[in-house]
């Protein structure tokens, strides 16, 4: 016994609306989680064969007041500026796992801490630290660059 074509189209329409509802529900859940904990996580390939994970977090604002109280001449852009922390992990074929932490603060240099898991990589990076700082300075970039200890040792 063949089903009525209108019955089939109603069933298909219900399936489509259900899948749209599920997709919308997932999107709303993601947006609510982002509001509750403002983190953005991305995982993928930096380039083929090199996995990368990045977590971007907005840092809480520090309540810093100058001696005269809130300065009325503070720019709207400065008021709206946020402080951020980005944690990046890459697995490089020749250097191993490297964690890199970037921290931005208003009116301060970008802080970059590179934390290789392997001691040999840490030694290599420390040897290149001064030339790297000089290159960044020559580009007009104010960066506090350090090589730290890995949490994987």
Protein backbone atom coordinates (compact mmCIF):
# COMPACT_ATOMS: atom_id res chain seq x y z
CA UNK A 1 0.00 0.00 0.00
CA UNK A 2 1.49 3.31 -1.12
CA UNK A 3 1.49 6.27 1.20
CA UNK A 4 -0.30 9.45 0.32
CA UNK A 5 2.16 11.99 -1.26
CA UNK A 6 0.83 14.76 0.97
CA UNK A 7 1.54 12.58 4.01
CA UNK A 8 5.14 12.07 2.82
CA UNK A 9 5.67 15.80 2.32
CA UNK A 10 4.25 16.52 5.81
CA UNK A 11 6.65 13.98 7.33
CA UNK A 12 9.58 15.49 5.43
CA UNK A 13 8.57 19.02 6.50
CA UNK A 14 8.43 17.86 10.12
CA UNK A 15 11.91 16.30 9.81
CA UNK A 16 13.33 19.50 8.30
CA UNK A 17 11.76 21.68 10.99
CA UNK A 18 13.08 19.32 13.68
CA UNK A 19 16.65 19.47 12.29
CA UNK A 20 16.42 23.28 12.05
CA UNK A 21 15.18 23.36 15.64
CA UNK A 22 18.10 21.17 16.77
CA UNK A 23 20.60 23.38 14.95
CA UNK A 24 19.05 26.52 16.43
CA UNK A 25 19.07 24.98 19.90
CA UNK A 26 22.77 24.12 19.56
CA UNK A 27 23.55 27.66 18.39
CA UNK A 28 21.61 29.25 21.27
CA UNK A 29 23.35 26.93 23.76
CA UNK A 30 26.75 27.95 22.35
CA UNK A 31 25.88 31.65 22.59
CA UNK A 32 24.69 31.29 26.21
CA UNK A 33 27.88 29.43 27.14
CA UNK A 34 29.91 32.22 25.56
CA UNK A 35 28.08 34.82 27.65
CA UNK A 36 28.59 32.81 30.85
CA UNK A 37 32.28 32.06 30.21
CA UNK A 38 33.67 34.31 27.46
CA UNK A 39 36.06 31.81 25.88
CA UNK A 40 36.50 30.97 22.25
CA UNK A 41 38.16 27.64 21.48
CA UNK A 42 39.44 26.65 18.04
CA UNK A 43 41.09 23.40 17.03
CA UNK A 44 42.41 22.66 13.59
CA UNK A 45 45.46 22.41 11.39
CA UNK A 46 47.91 25.33 11.35
CA UNK A 47 49.06 23.75 8.09
CA UNK A 48 48.75 20.12 6.98
CA UNK A 49 50.16 17.78 9.62
CA UNK A 50 50.56 20.51 12.27
CA UNK A 51 47.68 20.49 14.77
CA UNK A 52 46.90 23.67 16.69
CA UNK A 53 44.55 24.57 19.53
CA UNK A 54 43.72 28.14 20.52
CA UNK A 55 41.68 29.42 23.45
CA UNK A 56 40.85 33.14 23.46
CA UNK A 57 39.64 34.62 26.76
CA UNK A 58 38.54 38.14 27.64
CA UNK A 59 40.17 39.06 30.94
CA UNK A 60 38.17 40.76 33.69
CA UNK A 61 38.60 44.50 33.83
CA UNK A 62 40.79 45.88 36.54
CA UNK A 63 39.23 48.79 38.39
CA UNK A 64 42.07 51.27 38.20
CA UNK A 65 41.23 54.87 39.06
CA UNK A 66 43.60 57.78 38.75
CA UNK A 67 44.12 60.23 41.63
CA UNK A 68 41.47 62.61 40.37
CA UNK A 69 38.87 59.88 40.01
CA UNK A 70 37.56 58.87 36.62
CA UNK A 71 39.16 61.02 33.97
CA UNK A 72 36.46 62.66 31.79
CA UNK A 73 38.84 63.03 28.83
CA UNK A 74 39.33 59.29 28.48
CA UNK A 75 38.56 58.27 24.93
CA UNK A 76 35.59 56.06 24.13
CA UNK A 77 37.95 53.69 22.36
CA UNK A 78 40.04 53.28 25.52
CA UNK A 79 36.89 52.75 27.59
CA UNK A 80 35.73 50.03 25.20
CA UNK A 81 39.12 48.33 24.97
CA UNK A 82 39.39 44.91 26.56
CA UNK A 83 42.27 42.87 27.87
CA UNK A 84 42.73 39.45 26.26
CA UNK A 85 44.61 36.20 26.80
CA UNK A 86 45.23 33.73 24.00
CA UNK A 87 46.62 30.27 24.69
CA UNK A 88 47.97 28.54 21.60
CA UNK A 89 49.36 25.02 21.44
CA UNK A 90 51.12 23.74 18.34
CA UNK A 91 52.80 20.41 17.66
CA UNK A 92 55.68 21.09 15.31
CA UNK A 93 57.39 18.10 13.68
CA UNK A 94 60.95 19.18 14.51
CA UNK A 95 60.36 21.17 17.73
CA UNK A 96 57.62 19.18 19.48
CA UNK A 97 54.77 20.63 21.51
CA UNK A 98 54.97 24.38 22.14
CA UNK A 99 52.53 26.36 24.26
CA UNK A 100 52.41 30.09 23.55
CA UNK A 101 50.53 32.49 25.80
CA UNK A 102 49.70 35.99 24.56
CA UNK A 103 48.36 38.60 27.00
CA UNK A 104 47.25 42.08 25.95
CA UNK A 105 46.62 44.86 28.44
CA UNK A 106 45.62 48.40 27.68
CA UNK A 107 48.59 50.80 27.70
CA UNK A 108 51.08 47.94 28.11
CA UNK A 109 53.33 45.85 25.91
CA UNK A 110 52.05 42.60 24.49
CA UNK A 111 53.27 39.76 26.71
CA UNK A 112 54.30 36.56 24.93
CA UNK A 113 55.47 33.51 26.84
CA UNK A 114 56.73 30.57 24.79
CA UNK A 115 56.78 27.26 26.67
CA UNK A 116 58.31 24.36 24.71
CA UNK A 117 57.85 20.85 26.10
CA UNK A 118 61.33 19.71 25.02
CA UNK A 119 64.50 21.03 26.67
CA UNK A 120 66.42 21.14 23.35
CA UNK A 121 63.73 23.38 21.85
CA UNK A 122 63.82 25.64 24.91
CA UNK A 123 67.62 26.02 24.52
CA UNK A 124 67.23 26.86 20.80
CA UNK A 125 64.56 29.47 21.51
CA UNK A 126 66.55 31.11 24.30
CA UNK A 127 69.48 31.49 21.88
CA UNK A 128 67.20 33.31 19.42
CA UNK A 129 65.49 35.50 22.04
CA UNK A 130 67.70 38.61 21.68
CA UNK A 131 67.60 38.69 17.84
CA UNK A 132 63.82 38.15 17.95
CA UNK A 133 63.33 41.03 20.40
CA UNK A 134 65.51 43.26 18.17
CA UNK A 135 63.46 42.35 15.08
CA UNK A 136 60.19 43.12 16.86
CA UNK A 137 61.57 46.44 18.16
CA UNK A 138 62.75 47.40 14.67
CA UNK A 139 59.15 46.92 13.51
CA UNK A 140 57.97 49.29 16.23
CA UNK A 141 56.35 46.53 18.28
CA UNK A 142 56.43 46.67 22.05
CA UNK A 143 56.55 43.01 23.08
CA UNK A 144 57.63 41.40 26.33
CA UNK A 145 58.96 38.05 25.06
CA UNK A 146 60.07 35.25 27.38
CA UNK A 147 60.76 31.52 27.14
CA UNK A 148 59.23 29.67 30.06
CA UNK A 149 59.17 26.17 31.45
CA UNK A 150 56.67 23.69 30.08
CA UNK A 151 53.93 22.22 32.23
CA UNK A 152 54.48 18.81 30.58
CA UNK A 153 57.84 18.01 32.17
